[in-house]
PDB file of N, CA and C in Angstrom:
ATOM      1  N   MET A   1      87.153 -45.217  52.652  1.00  0.00           N
ATOM      2  CA  MET A   1      86.003 -46.051  52.319  1.00  0.00           C
ATOM      3  C   MET A   1      86.194 -46.576  50.899  1.00  0.00           C
ATOM      4  N   LYS A   2      85.950 -47.854  50.718  1.00  0.00           N
ATOM      5  CA  LYS A   2      86.105 -48.487  49.415  1.00  0.00           C
ATOM      6  C   LYS A   2      84.940 -48.094  48.506  1.00  0.00           C
ATOM      7  N   LYS A   3      85.223 -48.173  47.199  1.00  0.00           N
ATOM      8  CA  LYS A   3      84.200 -47.847  46.210  1.00  0.00           C
ATOM      9  C   LYS A   3      82.964 -48.724  46.379  1.00  0.00           C
ATOM     10  N   SER A   4      83.146 -49.984  46.651  1.00  0.00           N
ATOM     11  CA  SER A   4      82.006 -50.904  46.817  1.00  0.00           C
ATOM     12  C   SER A   4      81.158 -50.518  48.034  1.00  0.00           C
ATOM     13  N   GLU A   5      81.811 -50.004  49.092  1.00  0.00           N
ATOM     14  CA  GLU A   5      81.087 -49.559  50.286  1.00  0.00           C
ATOM     15  C   GLU A   5      80.263 -48.307  49.991  1.00  0.00           C
ATOM     16  N   VAL A   6      80.845 -47.406  49.196  1.00  0.00           N
ATOM     17  CA  VAL A   6      80.130 -46.180  48.808  1.00  0.00           C
ATOM     18  C   VAL A   6      78.912 -46.525  47.971  1.00  0.00           C
ATOM     19  N   VAL A   7      79.096 -47.415  47.009  1.00  0.00           N
ATOM     20  CA  VAL A   7      77.980 -47.847  46.147  1.00  0.00           C
ATOM     21  C   VAL A   7      76.883 -48.491  46.985  1.00  0.00           C
ATOM     22  N   SER A   8      77.275 -49.336  47.915  1.00  0.00           N
ATOM     23  CA  SER A   8      76.305 -49.987  48.793  1.00  0.00           C
ATOM     24  C   SER A   8      75.538 -48.966  49.636  1.00  0.00           C
ATOM     25  N   LEU A   9      76.249 -47.982  50.145  1.00  0.00           N
ATOM     26  CA  LEU A   9      75.620 -46.937  50.943  1.00  0.00           C
ATOM     27  C   LEU A   9      74.642 -46.116  50.109  1.00  0.00           C
ATOM     28  N   ILE A  10      75.015 -45.782  48.901  1.00  0.00           N
ATOM     29  CA  ILE A  10      74.128 -45.024  48.003  1.00  0.00           C
ATOM     30  C   ILE A  10      72.862 -45.830  47.709  1.00  0.00           C
ATOM     31  N   LYS A  11      73.011 -47.110  47.432  1.00  0.00           N
ATOM     32  CA  LYS A  11      71.843 -47.965  47.162  1.00  0.00           C
ATOM     33  C   LYS A  11      70.921 -48.020  48.373  1.00  0.00           C
ATOM     34  N   GLU A  12      71.510 -48.110  49.553  1.00  0.00           N
ATOM     35  CA  GLU A  12      70.720 -48.140  50.789  1.00  0.00           C
ATOM     36  C   GLU A  12      69.945 -46.839  50.970  1.00  0.00           C
ATOM     37  N   CYS A  13      70.603 -45.721  50.676  1.00  0.00           N
ATOM     38  CA  CYS A  13      69.933 -44.412  50.791  1.00  0.00           C
ATOM     39  C   CYS A  13      68.788 -44.285  49.799  1.00  0.00           C
ATOM     40  N   ILE A  14      68.991 -44.770  48.591  1.00  0.00           N
ATOM     41  CA  ILE A  14      67.935 -44.703  47.573  1.00  0.00           C
ATOM     42  C   ILE A  14      66.724 -45.519  48.020  1.00  0.00           C
ATOM     43  N   LEU A  15      66.967 -46.681  48.593  1.00  0.00           N
ATOM     44  CA  LEU A  15      65.857 -47.501  49.088  1.00  0.00           C
ATOM     45  C   LEU A  15      65.118 -46.800  50.220  1.00  0.00           C
ATOM     46  N   GLU A  16      65.833 -46.110  51.105  1.00  0.00           N
ATOM     47  CA  GLU A  16      65.201 -45.384  52.210  1.00  0.00           C
ATOM     48  C   GLU A  16      64.339 -44.248  51.686  1.00  0.00           C
ATOM     49  N   VAL A  17      64.835 -43.517  50.691  1.00  0.00           N
ATOM     50  CA  VAL A  17      64.063 -42.413  50.116  1.00  0.00           C
ATOM     51  C   VAL A  17      62.773 -42.948  49.504  1.00  0.00           C
ATOM     52  N   GLY A  18      62.843 -44.080  48.871  1.00  0.00           N
ATOM     53  CA  GLY A  18      61.659 -44.678  48.258  1.00  0.00           C
ATOM     54  C   GLY A  18      60.599 -45.094  49.258  1.00  0.00           C
ATOM     55  N   LYS A  19      60.965 -45.224  50.530  1.00  0.00           N
ATOM     56  CA  LYS A  19      60.018 -45.628  51.566  1.00  0.00           C
ATOM     57  C   LYS A  19      59.216 -44.461  52.128  1.00  0.00           C
ATOM     58  N   PHE A  20      59.547 -43.227  51.725  1.00  0.00           N
ATOM     59  CA  PHE A  20      58.867 -42.049  52.271  1.00  0.00           C
ATOM     60  C   PHE A  20      57.379 -42.087  51.959  1.00  0.00           C
ATOM     61  N   GLU A  21      56.567 -41.771  52.959  1.00  0.00           N
ATOM     62  CA  GLU A  21      55.124 -41.656  52.773  1.00  0.00           C
ATOM     63  C   GLU A  21      54.665 -40.284  53.250  1.00  0.00           C
ATOM     64  N   TYR A  22      53.837 -39.646  52.458  1.00  0.00           N
ATOM     65  CA  TYR A  22      53.278 -38.363  52.875  1.00  0.00           C
ATOM     66  C   TYR A  22      52.347 -38.586  54.059  1.00  0.00           C
ATOM     67  N   PRO A  23      52.331 -37.642  54.997  1.00  0.00           N
ATOM     68  CA  PRO A  23      51.384 -37.774  56.119  1.00  0.00           C
ATOM     69  C   PRO A  23      49.945 -37.696  55.611  1.00  0.00           C
ATOM     70  N   ARG A  24      49.049 -38.278  56.357  1.00  0.00           N
ATOM     71  CA  ARG A  24      47.624 -38.164  56.031  1.00  0.00           C
ATOM     72  C   ARG A  24      47.098 -36.874  56.642  1.00  0.00           C
ATOM     73  N   GLY A  25      46.098 -36.298  56.020  1.00  0.00           N
ATOM     74  CA  GLY A  25      45.486 -35.087  56.545  1.00  0.00           C
ATOM     75  C   GLY A  25      45.597 -33.931  55.574  1.00  0.00           C
ATOM     76  N   SER A  26      45.529 -32.725  56.112  1.00  0.00           N
ATOM     77  CA  SER A  26      45.568 -31.509  55.306  1.00  0.00           C
ATOM     78  C   SER A  26      46.907 -30.802  55.465  1.00  0.00           C
ATOM     79  N   SER A  27      47.478 -30.397  54.336  1.00  0.00           N
ATOM     80  CA  SER A  27      48.741 -29.670  54.385  1.00  0.00           C
ATOM     81  C   SER A  27      48.468 -28.180  54.569  1.00  0.00           C
ATOM     82  N   ILE A  28      49.234 -27.576  55.474  1.00  0.00           N
ATOM     83  CA  ILE A  28      49.083 -26.148  55.778  1.00  0.00           C
ATOM     84  C   ILE A  28      50.460 -25.517  55.925  1.00  0.00           C
ATOM     85  N   LEU A  29      50.496 -24.206  55.811  1.00  0.00           N
ATOM     86  CA  LEU A  29      51.722 -23.442  56.054  1.00  0.00           C
ATOM     87  C   LEU A  29      51.451 -22.416  57.145  1.00  0.00           C
ATOM     88  N   PRO A  30      52.403 -22.217  58.049  1.00  0.00           N
ATOM     89  CA  PRO A  30      52.208 -21.249  59.130  1.00  0.00           C
ATOM     90  C   PRO A  30      52.329 -19.813  58.641  1.00  0.00           C
ATOM     91  N   LEU A  31      51.510 -18.933  59.221  1.00  0.00           N
ATOM     92  CA  LEU A  31      51.552 -17.500  58.931  1.00  0.00           C
ATOM     93  C   LEU A  31      52.105 -16.712  60.111  1.00  0.00           C
ATOM     94  N   GLY A  32      52.414 -17.383  61.207  1.00  0.00           N
ATOM     95  CA  GLY A  32      52.825 -16.695  62.426  1.00  0.00           C
ATOM     96  C   GLY A  32      51.595 -16.222  63.179  1.00  0.00           C
ATOM     97  N   THR A  33      51.806 -15.312  64.105  1.00  0.00           N
ATOM     98  CA  THR A  33      50.694 -14.777  64.894  1.00  0.00           C
ATOM     99  C   THR A  33      49.879 -13.811  64.040  1.00  0.00           C
ATOM    100  N   VAL A  34      48.565 -13.975  64.063  1.00  0.00           N
ATOM    101  CA  VAL A  34      47.657 -13.094  63.321  1.00  0.00           C
ATOM    102  C   VAL A  34      46.940 -12.194  64.319  1.00  0.00           C
ATOM    103  N   ASN A  35      47.028 -10.888  64.104  1.00  0.00           N
ATOM    104  CA  ASN A  35      46.318  -9.916  64.922  1.00  0.00           C
ATOM    105  C   ASN A  35      44.906  -9.788  64.353  1.00  0.00           C
ATOM    106  N   LEU A  36      43.904 -10.202  65.116  1.00  0.00           N
ATOM    107  CA  LEU A  36      42.521 -10.196  64.615  1.00  0.00           C
ATOM    108  C   LEU A  36      41.986  -8.783  64.410  1.00  0.00           C
ATOM    109  N   GLN A  37      42.517  -7.822  65.133  1.00  0.00           N
ATOM    110  CA  GLN A  37      42.064  -6.434  65.005  1.00  0.00           C
ATOM    111  C   GLN A  37      42.590  -5.797  63.713  1.00  0.00           C
ATOM    112  N   THR A  38      43.907  -5.918  63.493  1.00  0.00           N
ATOM    113  CA  THR A  38      44.526  -5.239  62.349  1.00  0.00           C
ATOM    114  C   THR A  38      44.651  -6.132  61.119  1.00  0.00           C
ATOM    115  N   GLY A  39      44.627  -7.451  61.324  1.00  0.00           N
ATOM    116  CA  GLY A  39      44.806  -8.387  60.223  1.00  0.00           C
ATOM    117  C   GLY A  39      46.259  -8.690  59.910  1.00  0.00           C
ATOM    118  N   SER A  40      47.189  -8.101  60.649  1.00  0.00           N
ATOM    119  CA  SER A  40      48.609  -8.307  60.338  1.00  0.00           C
ATOM    120  C   SER A  40      49.059  -9.707  60.755  1.00  0.00           C
ATOM    121  N   SER A  41      49.969 -10.258  59.962  1.00  0.00           N
ATOM    122  CA  SER A  41      50.603 -11.541  60.259  1.00  0.00           C
ATOM    123  C   SER A  41      52.087 -11.387  59.946  1.00  0.00           C
ATOM    124  N   LYS A  42      52.841 -12.439  60.096  1.00  0.00           N
ATOM    125  CA  LYS A  42      54.284 -12.380  59.857  1.00  0.00           C
ATOM    126  C   LYS A  42      54.604 -11.999  58.409  1.00  0.00           C
ATOM    127  N   TYR A  43      53.763 -12.407  57.471  1.00  0.00           N
ATOM    128  CA  TYR A  43      54.077 -12.238  56.057  1.00  0.00           C
ATOM    129  C   TYR A  43      53.267 -11.167  55.323  1.00  0.00           C
ATOM    130  N   PHE A  44      52.037 -10.933  55.737  1.00  0.00           N
ATOM    131  CA  PHE A  44      51.178  -9.967  55.050  1.00  0.00           C
ATOM    132  C   PHE A  44      49.964  -9.663  55.907  1.00  0.00           C
ATOM    133  N   ASN A  45      49.140  -8.732  55.429  1.00  0.00           N
ATOM    134  CA  ASN A  45      47.921  -8.365  56.137  1.00  0.00           C
ATOM    135  C   ASN A  45      46.751  -9.158  55.551  1.00  0.00           C
ATOM    136  N   ILE A  46      46.058  -9.878  56.405  1.00  0.00           N
ATOM    137  CA  ILE A  46      44.937 -10.721  55.971  1.00  0.00           C
ATOM    138  C   ILE A  46      43.842  -9.876  55.330  1.00  0.00           C
ATOM    139  N   TYR A  47      43.496  -8.747  55.954  1.00  0.00           N
ATOM    140  CA  TYR A  47      42.383  -7.924  55.464  1.00  0.00           C
ATOM    141  C   TYR A  47      42.647  -7.344  54.081  1.00  0.00           C
ATOM    142  N   THR A  48      43.884  -6.971  53.783  1.00  0.00           N
ATOM    143  CA  THR A  48      44.175  -6.365  52.483  1.00  0.00           C
ATOM    144  C   THR A  48      44.570  -7.394  51.424  1.00  0.00           C
ATOM    145  N   THR A  49      44.900  -8.621  51.851  1.00  0.00           N
ATOM    146  CA  THR A  49      45.333  -9.643  50.903  1.00  0.00           C
ATOM    147  C   THR A  49      44.222 -10.639  50.572  1.00  0.00           C
ATOM    148  N   TRP A  50      43.506 -11.090  51.589  1.00  0.00           N
ATOM    149  CA  TRP A  50      42.458 -12.097  51.394  1.00  0.00           C
ATOM    150  C   TRP A  50      41.121 -11.548  51.857  1.00  0.00           C
ATOM    151  N   ASP A  51      40.466 -10.769  51.042  1.00  0.00           N
ATOM    152  CA  ASP A  51      39.194 -10.175  51.455  1.00  0.00           C
ATOM    153  C   ASP A  51      37.988 -11.060  51.153  1.00  0.00           C
ATOM    154  N   ASP A  52      38.192 -12.158  50.438  1.00  0.00           N
ATOM    155  CA  ASP A  52      37.036 -12.980  50.064  1.00  0.00           C
ATOM    156  C   ASP A  52      37.109 -14.413  50.569  1.00  0.00           C
ATOM    157  N   GLY A  53      37.975 -14.700  51.524  1.00  0.00           N
ATOM    158  CA  GLY A  53      38.109 -16.066  52.022  1.00  0.00           C
ATOM    159  C   GLY A  53      37.389 -16.286  53.332  1.00  0.00           C
ATOM    160  N   THR A  54      37.693 -17.411  53.932  1.00  0.00           N
ATOM    161  CA  THR A  54      37.089 -17.810  55.195  1.00  0.00           C
ATOM    162  C   THR A  54      38.197 -18.172  56.175  1.00  0.00           C
ATOM    163  N   VAL A  55      37.974 -17.863  57.438  1.00  0.00           N
ATOM    164  CA  VAL A  55      38.900 -18.275  58.485  1.00  0.00           C
ATOM    165  C   VAL A  55      38.206 -19.329  59.350  1.00  0.00           C
ATOM    166  N   GLU A  56      38.899 -20.430  59.570  1.00  0.00           N
ATOM    167  CA  GLU A  56      38.377 -21.489  60.412  1.00  0.00           C
ATOM    168  C   GLU A  56      39.088 -21.442  61.758  1.00  0.00           C
ATOM    169  N   VAL A  57      38.351 -21.698  62.825  1.00  0.00           N
ATOM    170  CA  VAL A  57      38.933 -21.770  64.154  1.00  0.00           C
ATOM    171  C   VAL A  57      38.996 -23.246  64.548  1.00  0.00           C
ATOM    172  N   TRP A  58      40.196 -23.702  64.931  1.00  0.00           N
ATOM    173  CA  TRP A  58      40.428 -25.079  65.324  1.00  0.00           C
ATOM    174  C   TRP A  58      41.017 -25.108  66.728  1.00  0.00           C
ATOM    175  N   GLU A  59      40.778 -26.204  67.445  1.00  0.00           N
ATOM    176  CA  GLU A  59      41.367 -26.394  68.760  1.00  0.00           C
ATOM    177  C   GLU A  59      42.368 -27.539  68.688  1.00  0.00           C
ATOM    178  N   THR A  60      43.586 -27.291  69.190  1.00  0.00           N
ATOM    179  CA  THR A  60      44.638 -28.304  69.183  1.00  0.00           C
ATOM    180  C   THR A  60      44.476 -29.215  70.400  1.00  0.00           C
ATOM    181  N   PRO A  61      45.209 -30.319  70.440  1.00  0.00           N
ATOM    182  CA  PRO A  61      45.146 -31.200  71.621  1.00  0.00           C
ATOM    183  C   PRO A  61      45.581 -30.500  72.918  1.00  0.00           C
ATOM    184  N   LYS A  62      46.329 -29.405  72.804  1.00  0.00           N
ATOM    185  CA  LYS A  62      46.749 -28.646  73.988  1.00  0.00           C
ATOM    186  C   LYS A  62      45.713 -27.587  74.375  1.00  0.00           C
ATOM    187  N   ASN A  63      44.529 -27.675  73.777  1.00  0.00           N
ATOM    188  CA  ASN A  63      43.410 -26.754  74.028  1.00  0.00           C
ATOM    189  C   ASN A  63      43.690 -25.313  73.607  1.00  0.00           C
ATOM    190  N   THR A  64      44.653 -25.105  72.718  1.00  0.00           N
ATOM    191  CA  THR A  64      44.874 -23.763  72.172  1.00  0.00           C
ATOM    192  C   THR A  64      44.069 -23.626  70.893  1.00  0.00           C
ATOM    193  N   LYS A  65      43.637 -22.430  70.609  1.00  0.00           N
ATOM    194  CA  LYS A  65      42.879 -22.158  69.387  1.00  0.00           C
ATOM    195  C   LYS A  65      43.834 -21.634  68.326  1.00  0.00           C
ATOM    196  N   VAL A  66      43.634 -22.064  67.094  1.00  0.00           N
ATOM    197  CA  VAL A  66      44.422 -21.603  65.958  1.00  0.00           C
ATOM    198  C   VAL A  66      43.481 -21.282  64.805  1.00  0.00           C
ATOM    199  N   LEU A  67      43.975 -20.477  63.878  1.00  0.00           N
ATOM    200  CA  LEU A  67      43.201 -20.096  62.702  1.00  0.00           C
ATOM    201  C   LEU A  67      43.769 -20.787  61.472  1.00  0.00           C
ATOM    202  N   VAL A  68      42.888 -21.251  60.605  1.00  0.00           N
ATOM    203  CA  VAL A  68      43.310 -21.786  59.315  1.00  0.00           C
ATOM    204  C   VAL A  68      42.495 -21.058  58.249  1.00  0.00           C
ATOM    205  N   PHE A  69      43.199 -20.402  57.324  1.00  0.00           N
ATOM    206  CA  PHE A  69      42.547 -19.610  56.288  1.00  0.00           C
ATOM    207  C   PHE A  69      42.367 -20.437  55.027  1.00  0.00           C
ATOM    208  N   THR A  70      41.222 -20.240  54.380  1.00  0.00           N
ATOM    209  CA  THR A  70      40.905 -20.977  53.165  1.00  0.00           C
ATOM    210  C   THR A  70      40.235 -20.049  52.149  1.00  0.00           C
ATOM    211  N   ALA A  71      40.384 -20.366  50.896  1.00  0.00           N
ATOM    212  CA  ALA A  71      39.689 -19.617  49.850  1.00  0.00           C
ATOM    213  C   ALA A  71      38.247 -20.109  49.800  1.00  0.00           C
ATOM    214  N   GLY A  72      37.338 -19.209  49.519  1.00  0.00           N
ATOM    215  CA  GLY A  72      35.943 -19.612  49.443  1.00  0.00           C
ATOM    216  C   GLY A  72      35.350 -19.885  50.806  1.00  0.00           C
ATOM    217  N   LYS A  73      34.393 -20.812  50.843  1.00  0.00           N
ATOM    218  CA  LYS A  73      33.692 -21.122  52.086  1.00  0.00           C
ATOM    219  C   LYS A  73      34.223 -22.403  52.715  1.00  0.00           C
ATOM    220  N   SER A  74      34.081 -22.482  54.021  1.00  0.00           N
ATOM    221  CA  SER A  74      34.465 -23.684  54.756  1.00  0.00           C
ATOM    222  C   SER A  74      33.312 -24.680  54.699  1.00  0.00           C
ATOM    223  N   HIS A  75      33.664 -25.944  54.597  1.00  0.00           N
ATOM    224  CA  HIS A  75      32.640 -26.993  54.578  1.00  0.00           C
ATOM    225  C   HIS A  75      32.744 -27.894  55.801  1.00  0.00           C
ATOM    226  N   GLN A  76      33.466 -27.430  56.814  1.00  0.00           N
ATOM    227  CA  GLN A  76      33.645 -28.205  58.036  1.00  0.00           C
ATOM    228  C   GLN A  76      32.421 -28.086  58.932  1.00  0.00           C
ATOM    229  N   LYS A  77      32.211 -29.102  59.733  1.00  0.00           N
ATOM    230  CA  LYS A  77      31.127 -29.084  60.718  1.00  0.00           C
ATOM    231  C   LYS A  77      31.754 -29.070  62.106  1.00  0.00           C
ATOM    232  N   PRO A  78      31.164 -28.315  63.061  1.00  0.00           N
ATOM    233  CA  PRO A  78      31.711 -28.296  64.428  1.00  0.00           C
ATOM    234  C   PRO A  78      31.902 -29.714  64.975  1.00  0.00           C
ATOM    235  N   GLY A  79      33.054 -29.932  65.598  1.00  0.00           N
ATOM    236  CA  GLY A  79      33.371 -31.244  66.151  1.00  0.00           C
ATOM    237  C   GLY A  79      34.181 -32.128  65.225  1.00  0.00           C
ATOM    238  N   THR A  80      34.296 -31.727  63.940  1.00  0.00           N
ATOM    239  CA  THR A  80      35.095 -32.494  62.987  1.00  0.00           C
ATOM    240  C   THR A  80      36.554 -32.535  63.454  1.00  0.00           C
ATOM    241  N   ILE A  81      37.166 -33.697  63.366  1.00  0.00           N
ATOM    242  CA  ILE A  81      38.583 -33.839  63.732  1.00  0.00           C
ATOM    243  C   ILE A  81      39.386 -34.077  62.452  1.00  0.00           C
ATOM    244  N   GLN A  82      40.455 -33.307  62.305  1.00  0.00           N
ATOM    245  CA  GLN A  82      41.277 -33.376  61.099  1.00  0.00           C
ATOM    246  C   GLN A  82      42.750 -33.334  61.496  1.00  0.00           C
ATOM    247  N   GLN A  83      43.560 -34.152  60.841  1.00  0.00           N
ATOM    248  CA  GLN A  83      45.005 -34.085  61.070  1.00  0.00           C
ATOM    249  C   GLN A  83      45.613 -33.047  60.128  1.00  0.00           C
ATOM    250  N   PHE A  84      46.571 -32.272  60.635  1.00  0.00           N
ATOM    251  CA  PHE A  84      47.265 -31.259  59.850  1.00  0.00           C
ATOM    252  C   PHE A  84      48.762 -31.526  59.859  1.00  0.00           C
ATOM    253  N   TYR A  85      49.405 -31.177  58.727  1.00  0.00           N
ATOM    254  CA  TYR A  85      50.860 -31.296  58.650  1.00  0.00           C
ATOM    255  C   TYR A  85      51.425 -30.144  57.828  1.00  0.00           C
ATOM    256  N   HIS A  86      52.707 -29.826  58.068  1.00  0.00           N
ATOM    257  CA  HIS A  86      53.388 -28.739  57.371  1.00  0.00           C
ATOM    258  C   HIS A  86      53.572 -29.129  55.912  1.00  0.00           C
ATOM    259  N   ASP A  87      53.225 -28.234  55.009  1.00  0.00           N
ATOM    260  CA  ASP A  87      53.246 -28.509  53.582  1.00  0.00           C
ATOM    261  C   ASP A  87      54.649 -28.780  53.035  1.00  0.00           C
ATOM    262  N   GLN A  88      55.676 -28.207  53.644  1.00  0.00           N
ATOM    263  CA  GLN A  88      57.022 -28.347  53.101  1.00  0.00           C
ATOM    264  C   GLN A  88      57.913 -29.308  53.889  1.00  0.00           C
ATOM    265  N   THR A  89      57.768 -29.328  55.209  1.00  0.00           N
ATOM    266  CA  THR A  89      58.614 -30.208  56.020  1.00  0.00           C
ATOM    267  C   THR A  89      57.924 -31.528  56.354  1.00  0.00           C
ATOM    268  N   PHE A  90      56.622 -31.590  56.148  1.00  0.00           N
ATOM    269  CA  PHE A  90      55.783 -32.752  56.439  1.00  0.00           C
ATOM    270  C   PHE A  90      55.677 -33.044  57.934  1.00  0.00           C
ATOM    271  N   ARG A  91      56.080 -32.093  58.754  1.00  0.00           N
ATOM    272  CA  ARG A  91      55.940 -32.244  60.208  1.00  0.00           C
ATOM    273  C   ARG A  91      54.453 -32.295  60.551  1.00  0.00           C
ATOM    274  N   VAL A  92      54.058 -33.306  61.281  1.00  0.00           N
ATOM    275  CA  VAL A  92      52.652 -33.447  61.664  1.00  0.00           C
ATOM    276  C   VAL A  92      52.374 -32.544  62.861  1.00  0.00           C
ATOM    277  N   TYR A  93      51.386 -31.657  62.708  1.00  0.00           N
ATOM    278  CA  TYR A  93      50.981 -30.771  63.801  1.00  0.00           C
ATOM    279  C   TYR A  93      50.042 -31.488  64.767  1.00  0.00           C
ATOM    280  N   GLY A  94      49.324 -32.469  64.272  1.00  0.00           N
ATOM    281  CA  GLY A  94      48.408 -33.210  65.133  1.00  0.00           C
ATOM    282  C   GLY A  94      46.977 -33.172  64.631  1.00  0.00           C
ATOM    283  N   ARG A  95      46.107 -33.748  65.433  1.00  0.00           N
ATOM    284  CA  ARG A  95      44.680 -33.815  65.112  1.00  0.00           C
ATOM    285  C   ARG A  95      43.974 -32.684  65.848  1.00  0.00           C
ATOM    286  N   TRP A  96      43.359 -31.811  65.076  1.00  0.00           N
ATOM    287  CA  TRP A  96      42.674 -30.651  65.639  1.00  0.00           C
ATOM    288  C   TRP A  96      41.172 -30.806  65.478  1.00  0.00           C
ATOM    289  N   THR A  97      40.424 -30.141  66.362  1.00  0.00           N
ATOM    290  CA  THR A  97      38.962 -30.196  66.346  1.00  0.00           C
ATOM    291  C   THR A  97      38.419 -28.865  65.830  1.00  0.00           C
ATOM    292  N   PHE A  98      37.546 -28.952  64.837  1.00  0.00           N
ATOM    293  CA  PHE A  98      36.952 -27.751  64.246  1.00  0.00           C
ATOM    294  C   PHE A  98      35.927 -27.143  65.200  1.00  0.00           C
ATOM    295  N   ILE A  99      36.000 -25.804  65.346  1.00  0.00           N
ATOM    296  CA  ILE A  99      35.060 -25.095  66.217  1.00  0.00           C
ATOM    297  C   ILE A  99      34.052 -24.292  65.400  1.00  0.00           C
ATOM    298  N   GLU A 100      34.559 -23.390  64.553  1.00  0.00           N
ATOM    299  CA  GLU A 100      33.658 -22.544  63.759  1.00  0.00           C
ATOM    300  C   GLU A 100      34.423 -21.894  62.624  1.00  0.00           C
ATOM    301  N   SER A 101      33.683 -21.264  61.708  1.00  0.00           N
ATOM    302  CA  SER A 101      34.304 -20.502  60.626  1.00  0.00           C
ATOM    303  C   SER A 101      33.530 -19.207  60.411  1.00  0.00           C
ATOM    304  N   ILE A 102      34.239 -18.250  59.825  1.00  0.00           N
ATOM    305  CA  ILE A 102      33.644 -16.941  59.572  1.00  0.00           C
ATOM    306  C   ILE A 102      34.384 -16.304  58.396  1.00  0.00           C
ATOM    307  N   GLU A 103      33.727 -15.400  57.697  1.00  0.00           N
ATOM    308  CA  GLU A 103      34.379 -14.715  56.592  1.00  0.00           C
ATOM    309  C   GLU A 103      35.571 -13.913  57.115  1.00  0.00           C
ATOM    310  N   ASN A 104      36.647 -13.868  56.332  1.00  0.00           N
ATOM    311  CA  ASN A 104      37.848 -13.133  56.749  1.00  0.00           C
ATOM    312  C   ASN A 104      37.546 -11.691  57.167  1.00  0.00           C
ATOM    313  N   VAL A 105      36.669 -11.038  56.434  1.00  0.00           N
ATOM    314  CA  VAL A 105      36.387  -9.624  56.712  1.00  0.00           C
ATOM    315  C   VAL A 105      35.683  -9.416  58.054  1.00  0.00           C
ATOM    316  N   LYS A 106      35.148 -10.496  58.640  1.00  0.00           N
ATOM    317  CA  LYS A 106      34.466 -10.402  59.932  1.00  0.00           C
ATOM    318  C   LYS A 106      35.316 -10.967  61.073  1.00  0.00           C
ATOM    319  N   MET A 107      36.607 -11.139  60.816  1.00  0.00           N
ATOM    320  CA  MET A 107      37.507 -11.762  61.776  1.00  0.00           C
ATOM    321  C   MET A 107      37.539 -11.039  63.128  1.00  0.00           C
ATOM    322  N   LYS A 108      37.312  -9.732  63.132  1.00  0.00           N
ATOM    323  CA  LYS A 108      37.335  -8.961  64.389  1.00  0.00           C
ATOM    324  C   LYS A 108      36.287  -9.448  65.383  1.00  0.00           C
ATOM    325  N   THR A 109      35.209 -10.040  64.883  1.00  0.00           N
ATOM    326  CA  THR A 109      34.146 -10.513  65.779  1.00  0.00           C
ATOM    327  C   THR A 109      34.587 -11.707  66.623  1.00  0.00           C
ATOM    328  N   LEU A 110      35.733 -12.299  66.293  1.00  0.00           N
ATOM    329  CA  LEU A 110      36.251 -13.434  67.064  1.00  0.00           C
ATOM    330  C   LEU A 110      37.007 -12.985  68.324  1.00  0.00           C
ATOM    331  N   ILE A 111      37.358 -11.709  68.403  1.00  0.00           N
ATOM    332  CA  ILE A 111      38.173 -11.201  69.517  1.00  0.00           C
ATOM    333  C   ILE A 111      37.546 -11.468  70.880  1.00  0.00           C
ATOM    334  N   PRO A 112      36.247 -11.211  71.092  1.00  0.00           N
ATOM    335  CA  PRO A 112      35.684 -11.477  72.428  1.00  0.00           C
ATOM    336  C   PRO A 112      35.812 -12.941  72.880  1.00  0.00           C
ATOM    337  N   LYS A 113      35.775 -13.878  71.934  1.00  0.00           N
ATOM    338  CA  LYS A 113      35.859 -15.305  72.275  1.00  0.00           C
ATOM    339  C   LYS A 113      37.288 -15.806  72.447  1.00  0.00           C
ATOM    340  N   TYR A 114      38.207 -15.343  71.573  1.00  0.00           N
ATOM    341  CA  TYR A 114      39.522 -15.968  71.494  1.00  0.00           C
ATOM    342  C   TYR A 114      40.698 -15.023  71.777  1.00  0.00           C
ATOM    343  N   GLY A 115      40.418 -13.764  71.977  1.00  0.00           N
ATOM    344  CA  GLY A 115      41.501 -12.816  72.221  1.00  0.00           C
ATOM    345  C   GLY A 115      41.917 -12.093  70.951  1.00  0.00           C
ATOM    346  N   LYS A 116      42.867 -11.190  71.106  1.00  0.00           N
ATOM    347  CA  LYS A 116      43.259 -10.291  70.015  1.00  0.00           C
ATOM    348  C   LYS A 116      44.146 -10.948  68.961  1.00  0.00           C
ATOM    349  N   SER A 117      44.855 -12.020  69.314  1.00  0.00           N
ATOM    350  CA  SER A 117      45.729 -12.654  68.327  1.00  0.00           C
ATOM    351  C   SER A 117      45.801 -14.168  68.550  1.00  0.00           C
ATOM    352  N   LEU A 118      45.966 -14.880  67.436  1.00  0.00           N
ATOM    353  CA  LEU A 118      46.080 -16.339  67.437  1.00  0.00           C
ATOM    354  C   LEU A 118      47.096 -16.750  66.375  1.00  0.00           C
ATOM    355  N   LEU A 119      47.655 -17.928  66.529  1.00  0.00           N
ATOM    356  CA  LEU A 119      48.511 -18.458  65.471  1.00  0.00           C
ATOM    357  C   LEU A 119      47.651 -18.733  64.246  1.00  0.00           C
ATOM    358  N   GLY A 120      48.202 -18.431  63.076  1.00  0.00           N
ATOM    359  CA  GLY A 120      47.459 -18.625  61.844  1.00  0.00           C
ATOM    360  C   GLY A 120      48.194 -19.528  60.869  1.00  0.00           C
ATOM    361  N   TYR A 121      47.417 -20.216  60.049  1.00  0.00           N
ATOM    362  CA  TYR A 121      47.953 -21.126  59.019  1.00  0.00           C
ATOM    363  C   TYR A 121      47.099 -20.934  57.775  1.00  0.00           C
ATOM    364  N   THR A 122      47.587 -21.414  56.648  1.00  0.00           N
ATOM    365  CA  THR A 122      46.799 -21.404  55.434  1.00  0.00           C
ATOM    366  C   THR A 122      46.867 -22.775  54.772  1.00  0.00           C
ATOM    367  N   TYR A 123      45.736 -23.216  54.218  1.00  0.00           N
ATOM    368  CA  TYR A 123      45.721 -24.471  53.486  1.00  0.00           C
ATOM    369  C   TYR A 123      46.607 -24.349  52.254  1.00  0.00           C
ATOM    370  N   LYS A 124      47.194 -25.450  51.851  1.00  0.00           N
ATOM    371  CA  LYS A 124      47.991 -25.487  50.641  1.00  0.00           C
ATOM    372  C   LYS A 124      47.413 -26.466  49.665  1.00  0.00           C
TER     373      LYS A 124
END
């Protein structure tokens, strides 16, 4: 490859990088499966790490329920639709519908409605 071709290719790549746009919506990171009974997740225990936050329950377009953890209180209203994307890869997860929220320490009360474990995420 000639030097002029390499320079041209580099310039083209720089222009492509400049076209990047962040997805719209809320950035989140996955925690893996969260056990609502024990609080365990792939990375840490929710009950021993985040005792003062809120867990939000969202429904994906595939009708699966997922948890999104936040510091403080949730300000979402049932039926709210929000787009989510991965904080580091920018992969869009999709538009989810908010169902309800509850304090992290009361997460066990969600078991009768949603089962013992759900995928969990955290806002970034």
